[in-house]
C-alpha atoms as a PDB file:
ATOM      1  CA  UNK A   1      28.465 -19.679   6.479  1.00  0.00           C
ATOM      2  CA  UNK A   2      26.767 -19.153   3.077  1.00  0.00           C
ATOM      3  CA  UNK A   3      23.899 -21.532   2.827  1.00  0.00           C
ATOM      4  CA  UNK A   4      23.170 -22.938  -0.974  1.00  0.00           C
ATOM      5  CA  UNK A   5      20.317 -25.200  -1.569  1.00  0.00           C
ATOM      6  CA  UNK A   6      18.443 -26.359  -4.625  1.00  0.00           C
ATOM      7  CA  UNK A   7      14.604 -26.220  -3.689  1.00  0.00           C
ATOM      8  CA  UNK A   8      12.633 -28.616  -5.842  1.00  0.00           C
ATOM      9  CA  UNK A   9       9.229 -27.511  -7.175  1.00  0.00           C
ATOM     10  CA  UNK A  10       6.292 -29.233  -5.591  1.00  0.00           C
ATOM     11  CA  UNK A  11       4.788 -32.177  -7.480  1.00  0.00           C
ATOM     12  CA  UNK A  12       1.969 -31.216 -10.104  1.00  0.00           C
ATOM     13  CA  UNK A  13      -0.587 -32.703  -8.137  1.00  0.00           C
ATOM     14  CA  UNK A  14      -0.013 -30.070  -5.291  1.00  0.00           C
ATOM     15  CA  UNK A  15       0.492 -26.862  -7.508  1.00  0.00           C
ATOM     16  CA  UNK A  16      -3.054 -26.201  -7.637  1.00  0.00           C
ATOM     17  CA  UNK A  17      -3.657 -26.318  -3.850  1.00  0.00           C
ATOM     18  CA  UNK A  18      -0.353 -24.098  -3.350  1.00  0.00           C
ATOM     19  CA  UNK A  19      -1.614 -21.414  -5.978  1.00  0.00           C
ATOM     20  CA  UNK A  20      -5.055 -21.058  -3.836  1.00  0.00           C
ATOM     21  CA  UNK A  21      -3.703 -21.375  -0.586  1.00  0.00           C
ATOM     22  CA  UNK A  22       0.131 -20.400  -0.230  1.00  0.00           C
ATOM     23  CA  UNK A  23      -0.184 -16.815   0.294  1.00  0.00           C
ATOM     24  CA  UNK A  24      -2.913 -16.844   2.754  1.00  0.00           C
ATOM     25  CA  UNK A  25      -2.245 -15.884   6.236  1.00  0.00           C
ATOM     26  CA  UNK A  26      -3.575 -18.939   8.173  1.00  0.00           C
ATOM     27  CA  UNK A  27      -5.418 -18.693  11.562  1.00  0.00           C
ATOM     28  CA  UNK A  28      -2.696 -19.668  14.040  1.00  0.00           C
ATOM     29  CA  UNK A  29      -0.344 -16.801  12.187  1.00  0.00           C
ATOM     30  CA  UNK A  30      -2.572 -13.974  12.736  1.00  0.00           C
ATOM     31  CA  UNK A  31      -0.813 -13.183  16.106  1.00  0.00           C
ATOM     32  CA  UNK A  32       2.164 -10.268  15.266  1.00  0.00           C
ATOM     33  CA  UNK A  33       1.740 -10.843  11.458  1.00  0.00           C
ATOM     34  CA  UNK A  34      -1.853  -9.466  11.087  1.00  0.00           C
ATOM     35  CA  UNK A  35      -0.985  -6.445  13.382  1.00  0.00           C
ATOM     36  CA  UNK A  36       0.114  -4.765   9.760  1.00  0.00           C
ATOM     37  CA  UNK A  37       0.480  -6.526   6.612  1.00  0.00           C
ATOM     38  CA  UNK A  38       1.152  -5.651   3.035  1.00  0.00           C
ATOM     39  CA  UNK A  39      -1.674  -7.067   0.742  1.00  0.00           C
ATOM     40  CA  UNK A  40       1.011  -9.340  -1.082  1.00  0.00           C
ATOM     41  CA  UNK A  41       3.193 -10.184   1.544  1.00  0.00           C
ATOM     42  CA  UNK A  42       4.470 -13.805   1.669  1.00  0.00           C
ATOM     43  CA  UNK A  43       3.226 -15.895   4.389  1.00  0.00           C
ATOM     44  CA  UNK A  44       4.673 -16.959   7.631  1.00  0.00           C
ATOM     45  CA  UNK A  45       4.478 -20.544   6.779  1.00  0.00           C
ATOM     46  CA  UNK A  46       6.970 -19.894   4.053  1.00  0.00           C
ATOM     47  CA  UNK A  47       9.435 -18.718   6.218  1.00  0.00           C
ATOM     48  CA  UNK A  48       9.064 -21.614   8.422  1.00  0.00           C
ATOM     49  CA  UNK A  49       9.493 -24.029   5.552  1.00  0.00           C
ATOM     50  CA  UNK A  50      12.988 -22.586   4.554  1.00  0.00           C
ATOM     51  CA  UNK A  51      13.973 -22.441   8.345  1.00  0.00           C
ATOM     52  CA  UNK A  52      13.336 -26.221   8.246  1.00  0.00           C
ATOM     53  CA  UNK A  53      15.021 -26.748   4.901  1.00  0.00           C
ATOM     54  CA  UNK A  54      18.079 -24.588   6.115  1.00  0.00           C
ATOM     55  CA  UNK A  55      18.332 -26.444   9.310  1.00  0.00           C
ATOM     56  CA  UNK A  56      18.458 -22.914  11.199  1.00  0.00           C
ATOM     57  CA  UNK A  57      18.461 -22.956  15.180  1.00  0.00           C
ATOM     58  CA  UNK A  58      19.214 -20.837  17.808  1.00  0.00           C
ATOM     59  CA  UNK A  59      23.157 -20.945  16.595  1.00  0.00           C
ATOM     60  CA  UNK A  60      21.797 -19.364  13.275  1.00  0.00           C
ATOM     61  CA  UNK A  61      21.863 -15.720  12.271  1.00  0.00           C
ATOM     62  CA  UNK A  62      19.477 -14.234   9.553  1.00  0.00           C
ATOM     63  CA  UNK A  63      19.752 -10.975   7.651  1.00  0.00           C
ATOM     64  CA  UNK A  64      16.547 -10.111   5.832  1.00  0.00           C
ATOM     65  CA  UNK A  65      17.978  -7.008   3.430  1.00  0.00           C
ATOM     66  CA  UNK A  66      14.253  -6.159   2.561  1.00  0.00           C
ATOM     67  CA  UNK A  67      12.294  -6.932   5.422  1.00  0.00           C
ATOM     68  CA  UNK A  68       9.129  -5.044   4.733  1.00  0.00           C
ATOM     69  CA  UNK A  69       6.504  -5.441   7.628  1.00  0.00           C
ATOM     70  CA  UNK A  70       8.878  -8.075   9.235  1.00  0.00           C
ATOM     71  CA  UNK A  71       7.399 -11.441   8.486  1.00  0.00           C
ATOM     72  CA  UNK A  72      11.075 -13.169   8.436  1.00  0.00           C
ATOM     73  CA  UNK A  73      11.973 -11.519  11.442  1.00  0.00           C
ATOM     74  CA  UNK A  74       8.882 -12.398  13.406  1.00  0.00           C
ATOM     75  CA  UNK A  75       9.217 -16.090  12.801  1.00  0.00           C
ATOM     76  CA  UNK A  76      12.850 -16.101  13.527  1.00  0.00           C
ATOM     77  CA  UNK A  77      12.046 -14.712  16.950  1.00  0.00           C
ATOM     78  CA  UNK A  78       9.494 -17.416  17.610  1.00  0.00           C
ATOM     79  CA  UNK A  79      12.155 -19.918  16.945  1.00  0.00           C
ATOM     80  CA  UNK A  80      14.769 -18.125  18.937  1.00  0.00           C
ATOM     81  CA  UNK A  81      16.936 -17.313  15.764  1.00  0.00           C
ATOM     82  CA  UNK A  82      18.849 -14.221  15.802  1.00  0.00           C
ATOM     83  CA  UNK A  83      17.787 -11.914  12.855  1.00  0.00           C
ATOM     84  CA  UNK A  84      18.315  -8.611  11.444  1.00  0.00           C
ATOM     85  CA  UNK A  85      16.320  -6.754   8.941  1.00  0.00           C
ATOM     86  CA  UNK A  86      16.639  -3.569   6.574  1.00  0.00           C
ATOM     87  CA  UNK A  87      13.914  -1.509   5.373  1.00  0.00           C
ATOM     88  CA  UNK A  88      14.150   1.998   3.832  1.00  0.00           C
ATOM     89  CA  UNK A  89      10.356   2.633   4.099  1.00  0.00           C
ATOM     90  CA  UNK A  90       9.926   4.511   7.817  1.00  0.00           C
ATOM     91  CA  UNK A  91       6.096   3.659   8.191  1.00  0.00           C
ATOM     92  CA  UNK A  92       7.047  -0.085   7.310  1.00  0.00           C
ATOM     93  CA  UNK A  93      10.054  -0.004   9.390  1.00  0.00           C
ATOM     94  CA  UNK A  94       8.206   0.937  12.218  1.00  0.00           C
ATOM     95  CA  UNK A  95       5.384  -1.396  11.785  1.00  0.00           C
ATOM     96  CA  UNK A  96       8.255  -4.094  11.514  1.00  0.00           C
ATOM     97  CA  UNK A  97      10.209  -3.206  14.823  1.00  0.00           C
ATOM     98  CA  UNK A  98       6.615  -2.875  16.713  1.00  0.00           C
ATOM     99  CA  UNK A  99       5.670  -6.388  15.657  1.00  0.00           C
ATOM    100  CA  UNK A 100       8.774  -7.680  17.442  1.00  0.00           C
ATOM    101  CA  UNK A 101       7.735  -5.954  20.720  1.00  0.00           C
ATOM    102  CA  UNK A 102       6.118  -8.610  22.672  1.00  0.00           C
ATOM    103  CA  UNK A 103       6.964  -7.754  26.200  1.00  0.00           C
ATOM    104  CA  UNK A 104       3.890  -5.632  26.667  1.00  0.00           C
ATOM    105  CA  UNK A 105       1.402  -6.037  29.768  1.00  0.00           C
ATOM    106  CA  UNK A 106      -2.057  -6.515  28.245  1.00  0.00           C
ATOM    107  CA  UNK A 107      -4.247  -5.273  31.047  1.00  0.00           C
ATOM    108  CA  UNK A 108      -2.257  -2.273  31.275  1.00  0.00           C
ATOM    109  CA  UNK A 109      -2.265  -1.581  27.715  1.00  0.00           C
ATOM    110  CA  UNK A 110      -6.048  -2.173  27.544  1.00  0.00           C
ATOM    111  CA  UNK A 111      -6.476   0.246  30.568  1.00  0.00           C
ATOM    112  CA  UNK A 112      -4.351   3.035  28.878  1.00  0.00           C
ATOM    113  CA  UNK A 113      -6.066   2.751  25.409  1.00  0.00           C
ATOM    114  CA  UNK A 114      -9.717   3.054  27.051  1.00  0.00           C
ATOM    115  CA  UNK A 115      -8.550   6.137  28.940  1.00  0.00           C
ATOM    116  CA  UNK A 116      -7.185   7.668  26.004  1.00  0.00           C
ATOM    117  CA  UNK A 117     -10.422   6.733  23.969  1.00  0.00           C
ATOM    118  CA  UNK A 118     -12.750   8.164  26.564  1.00  0.00           C
ATOM    119  CA  UNK A 119     -10.608  11.556  26.818  1.00  0.00           C
ATOM    120  CA  UNK A 120     -10.946  11.595  22.694  1.00  0.00           C
ATOM    121  CA  UNK A 121     -14.693  10.745  22.895  1.00  0.00           C
ATOM    122  CA  UNK A 122     -15.056  13.796  25.022  1.00  0.00           C
ATOM    123  CA  UNK A 123     -13.211  16.162  22.820  1.00  0.00           C
ATOM    124  CA  UNK A 124     -15.374  14.914  20.027  1.00  0.00           C
ATOM    125  CA  UNK A 125     -18.461  15.250  21.659  1.00  0.00           C
ATOM    126  CA  UNK A 126     -17.522  18.761  22.815  1.00  0.00           C
ATOM    127  CA  UNK A 127     -17.189  19.527  19.167  1.00  0.00           C
ATOM    128  CA  UNK A 128     -20.432  18.214  18.240  1.00  0.00           C
ATOM    129  CA  UNK A 129     -19.576  14.531  17.240  1.00  0.00           C
ATOM    130  CA  UNK A 130     -20.289  11.124  18.725  1.00  0.00           C
ATOM    131  CA  UNK A 131     -18.751   8.058  18.543  1.00  0.00           C
ATOM    132  CA  UNK A 132     -22.101   6.239  17.752  1.00  0.00           C
ATOM    133  CA  UNK A 133     -21.057   3.276  15.168  1.00  0.00           C
ATOM    134  CA  UNK A 134     -24.906   2.558  14.214  1.00  0.00           C
ATOM    135  CA  UNK A 135     -25.530   6.301  13.278  1.00  0.00           C
ATOM    136  CA  UNK A 136     -22.671   6.612  11.060  1.00  0.00           C
ATOM    137  CA  UNK A 137     -23.301   3.357   9.266  1.00  0.00           C
ATOM    138  CA  UNK A 138     -27.093   4.878   8.476  1.00  0.00           C
ATOM    139  CA  UNK A 139     -25.374   8.034   7.605  1.00  0.00           C
ATOM    140  CA  UNK A 140     -28.015  10.232   9.524  1.00  0.00           C
ATOM    141  CA  UNK A 141     -25.235  12.469  10.299  1.00  0.00           C
ATOM    142  CA  UNK A 142     -25.036  13.891   7.054  1.00  0.00           C
ATOM    143  CA  UNK A 143     -26.513  17.097   8.159  1.00  0.00           C
ATOM    144  CA  UNK A 144     -23.727  17.888  10.466  1.00  0.00           C
ATOM    145  CA  UNK A 145     -21.986  21.012   9.156  1.00  0.00           C
ATOM    146  CA  UNK A 146     -18.230  20.761   9.966  1.00  0.00           C
ATOM    147  CA  UNK A 147     -16.846  23.734  11.501  1.00  0.00           C
ATOM    148  CA  UNK A 148     -13.159  24.136  11.990  1.00  0.00           C
ATOM    149  CA  UNK A 149     -12.403  20.438  11.291  1.00  0.00           C
ATOM    150  CA  UNK A 150      -8.638  19.498  11.549  1.00  0.00           C
ATOM    151  CA  UNK A 151      -6.831  18.635   8.704  1.00  0.00           C
ATOM    152  CA  UNK A 152      -3.546  17.707   7.546  1.00  0.00           C
ATOM    153  CA  UNK A 153      -0.655  20.471   6.690  1.00  0.00           C
ATOM    154  CA  UNK A 154      -0.388  20.925   3.006  1.00  0.00           C
ATOM    155  CA  UNK A 155       3.009  19.037   2.423  1.00  0.00           C
ATOM    156  CA  UNK A 156       1.668  16.123   4.416  1.00  0.00           C
ATOM    157  CA  UNK A 157      -1.658  16.113   2.723  1.00  0.00           C
ATOM    158  CA  UNK A 158       0.381  15.807  -0.946  1.00  0.00           C
ATOM    159  CA  UNK A 159       1.603  12.381   0.411  1.00  0.00           C
ATOM    160  CA  UNK A 160      -1.441  10.385   0.055  1.00  0.00           C
ATOM    161  CA  UNK A 161      -3.864   9.634  -2.513  1.00  0.00           C
ATOM    162  CA  UNK A 162      -6.461  12.213  -3.200  1.00  0.00           C
ATOM    163  CA  UNK A 163      -9.795  11.359  -1.427  1.00  0.00           C
ATOM    164  CA  UNK A 164      -8.361   8.625   0.354  1.00  0.00           C
ATOM    165  CA  UNK A 165      -9.933   9.645   3.634  1.00  0.00           C
ATOM    166  CA  UNK A 166     -12.845  11.849   4.355  1.00  0.00           C
ATOM    167  CA  UNK A 167     -12.884  14.923   6.250  1.00  0.00           C
ATOM    168  CA  UNK A 168     -14.989  13.745   9.532  1.00  0.00           C
ATOM    169  CA  UNK A 169     -12.683  10.468   9.677  1.00  0.00           C
ATOM    170  CA  UNK A 170      -9.831  12.406   9.222  1.00  0.00           C
ATOM    171  CA  UNK A 171     -10.732  14.996  12.181  1.00  0.00           C
ATOM    172  CA  UNK A 172     -11.517  12.042  14.409  1.00  0.00           C
ATOM    173  CA  UNK A 173      -8.299  10.238  13.644  1.00  0.00           C
ATOM    174  CA  UNK A 174      -5.986  13.572  14.168  1.00  0.00           C
ATOM    175  CA  UNK A 175      -7.984  14.345  17.655  1.00  0.00           C
ATOM    176  CA  UNK A 176      -7.070  10.664  18.527  1.00  0.00           C
ATOM    177  CA  UNK A 177      -3.430  11.082  17.716  1.00  0.00           C
ATOM    178  CA  UNK A 178      -3.683  14.235  19.710  1.00  0.00           C
ATOM    179  CA  UNK A 179      -5.083  12.652  22.484  1.00  0.00           C
ATOM    180  CA  UNK A 180      -2.424   9.917  22.269  1.00  0.00           C
ATOM    181  CA  UNK A 181       0.389  12.247  22.324  1.00  0.00           C
ATOM    182  CA  UNK A 182      -0.950  14.242  25.350  1.00  0.00           C
ATOM    183  CA  UNK A 183      -1.093  11.070  27.024  1.00  0.00           C
ATOM    184  CA  UNK A 184       1.869   9.133  25.865  1.00  0.00           C
ATOM    185  CA  UNK A 185       2.864   6.248  27.899  1.00  0.00           C
ATOM    186  CA  UNK A 186       6.053   4.846  25.854  1.00  0.00           C
ATOM    187  CA  UNK A 187       5.574   1.422  26.759  1.00  0.00           C
ATOM    188  CA  UNK A 188       2.385   1.327  24.767  1.00  0.00           C
ATOM    189  CA  UNK A 189       2.788   4.238  22.359  1.00  0.00           C
ATOM    190  CA  UNK A 190       4.129   2.105  19.160  1.00  0.00           C
ATOM    191  CA  UNK A 191       1.383  -0.484  19.839  1.00  0.00           C
ATOM    192  CA  UNK A 192      -1.327   2.145  20.190  1.00  0.00           C
ATOM    193  CA  UNK A 193      -0.179   3.943  16.929  1.00  0.00           C
ATOM    194  CA  UNK A 194       0.418   1.038  14.617  1.00  0.00           C
ATOM    195  CA  UNK A 195      -3.222  -0.202  15.616  1.00  0.00           C
ATOM    196  CA  UNK A 196      -4.449   3.010  14.712  1.00  0.00           C
ATOM    197  CA  UNK A 197      -2.672   2.786  11.319  1.00  0.00           C
ATOM    198  CA  UNK A 198      -4.007  -0.853  10.659  1.00  0.00           C
ATOM    199  CA  UNK A 199      -7.436   0.668  11.314  1.00  0.00           C
ATOM    200  CA  UNK A 200      -6.950   3.518   8.619  1.00  0.00           C
ATOM    201  CA  UNK A 201      -5.740   1.493   6.183  1.00  0.00           C
ATOM    202  CA  UNK A 202      -8.457  -1.407   6.558  1.00  0.00           C
ATOM    203  CA  UNK A 203     -11.462   0.230   7.690  1.00  0.00           C
ATOM    204  CA  UNK A 204     -11.356   4.154   8.354  1.00  0.00           C
ATOM    205  CA  UNK A 205     -10.157   5.280   5.105  1.00  0.00           C
ATOM    206  CA  UNK A 206     -11.357   5.170   1.436  1.00  0.00           C
ATOM    207  CA  UNK A 207      -8.447   2.855   0.223  1.00  0.00           C
ATOM    208  CA  UNK A 208      -9.441  -0.132  -1.949  1.00  0.00           C
ATOM    209  CA  UNK A 209      -7.082  -3.375  -2.546  1.00  0.00           C
ATOM    210  CA  UNK A 210      -7.690  -5.131  -5.444  1.00  0.00           C
ATOM    211  CA  UNK A 211      -4.852  -6.248  -5.288  1.00  0.00           C
ATOM    212  CA  UNK A 212      -3.328  -2.777  -6.351  1.00  0.00           C
ATOM    213  CA  UNK A 213      -4.042   0.397  -4.014  1.00  0.00           C
ATOM    214  CA  UNK A 214      -6.809   2.445  -5.091  1.00  0.00           C
ATOM    215  CA  UNK A 215      -9.403   4.721  -3.784  1.00  0.00           C
ATOM    216  CA  UNK A 216     -13.064   3.176  -3.412  1.00  0.00           C
ATOM    217  CA  UNK A 217     -16.463   5.095  -2.318  1.00  0.00           C
ATOM    218  CA  UNK A 218     -16.203   7.657   0.256  1.00  0.00           C
ATOM    219  CA  UNK A 219     -17.211   7.101   3.623  1.00  0.00           C
ATOM    220  CA  UNK A 220     -19.016  10.111   4.894  1.00  0.00           C
ATOM    221  CA  UNK A 221     -17.841   9.190   8.523  1.00  0.00           C
ATOM    222  CA  UNK A 222     -16.499   6.402  10.591  1.00  0.00           C
ATOM    223  CA  UNK A 223     -16.048   5.207  14.380  1.00  0.00           C
ATOM    224  CA  UNK A 224     -12.579   5.802  14.457  1.00  0.00           C
ATOM    225  CA  UNK A 225     -12.311   5.455  18.403  1.00  0.00           C
ATOM    226  CA  UNK A 226     -14.348   2.044  18.222  1.00  0.00           C
ATOM    227  CA  UNK A 227     -12.393   0.614  15.235  1.00  0.00           C
ATOM    228  CA  UNK A 228      -8.985   1.598  16.976  1.00  0.00           C
ATOM    229  CA  UNK A 229      -9.951  -0.102  20.175  1.00  0.00           C
ATOM    230  CA  UNK A 230     -11.105  -3.256  18.196  1.00  0.00           C
ATOM    231  CA  UNK A 231      -7.600  -3.337  16.906  1.00  0.00           C
ATOM    232  CA  UNK A 232      -6.118  -2.951  20.290  1.00  0.00           C
ATOM    233  CA  UNK A 233      -8.281  -5.802  21.435  1.00  0.00           C
ATOM    234  CA  UNK A 234      -7.538  -8.312  18.904  1.00  0.00           C
ATOM    235  CA  UNK A 235      -3.623  -7.871  19.657  1.00  0.00           C
ATOM    236  CA  UNK A 236      -4.193  -8.386  23.485  1.00  0.00           C
ATOM    237  CA  UNK A 237      -5.470 -11.745  22.967  1.00  0.00           C
ATOM    238  CA  UNK A 238      -2.220 -12.978  21.321  1.00  0.00           C
ATOM    239  CA  UNK A 239       0.233 -11.262  23.626  1.00  0.00           C
ATOM    240  CA  UNK A 240       0.691 -13.955  26.225  1.00  0.00           C
ATOM    241  CA  UNK A 241       1.403 -16.542  23.557  1.00  0.00           C
ATOM    242  CA  UNK A 242       4.041 -14.434  21.752  1.00  0.00           C
ATOM    243  CA  UNK A 243       5.667 -13.434  24.860  1.00  0.00           C
ATOM    244  CA  UNK A 244       6.186 -16.977  25.838  1.00  0.00           C
ATOM    245  CA  UNK A 245       7.290 -18.142  22.575  1.00  0.00           C
ATOM    246  CA  UNK A 246       9.800 -15.283  21.865  1.00  0.00           C
ATOM    247  CA  UNK A 247      13.153 -16.651  22.312  1.00  0.00           C
ATOM    248  CA  UNK A 248      15.230 -14.783  19.771  1.00  0.00           C
ATOM    249  CA  UNK A 249      16.358 -11.250  19.268  1.00  0.00           C
ATOM    250  CA  UNK A 250      14.965  -9.572  15.921  1.00  0.00           C
ATOM    251  CA  UNK A 251      15.937  -5.919  15.074  1.00  0.00           C
END
């Protein structure tokens, strides 16, 4: 069935509020949606508005041909509505798919992430690097002389903006990725990598959003492992709510 409906614009008295608030991610929507989100993503409550206007229910099916980071798919899954999304960008497709996986044991994920973090810290300390947040914020490590820092292969380095990540944070990130692969647990692997992607974009890299993507001031270093664990921890708080609400099937 093809749905056709004319949506009337809001009254003028409501438009100022709409312009300020409509694109914001509301606090109660942070679970799943905040795990990875485009700067200009449309908000979850907009999807809920359309679900209500079109009177969709568990007998409905939704196709999102440009699903991006999965806002529509996540909301459909919450309401028990079958949904399918299409996305050509492999990273964004990965993020969307991972945001739909709510069948996770939070305690086991946290235990695994802490083990990976400890192993990564040990590697970095052997290399002469500590995961000390205060020292990095003060940039007292500037006397460190890098030796054999890991770096991206030339063909991959061409895919990212020049100077979008500094050498030490990149090295820490690659060591963490290496340790994740060595201790891979398929139950948690995608969530752990998506948490790292989110930390990279928002905290570890030199990227700046205004709202277009650019490169801001360079960070000499960053506590990569701690920032990754922070992202894991924030996800764990919402898993129980999501797993109990998830009724539908999205892909």
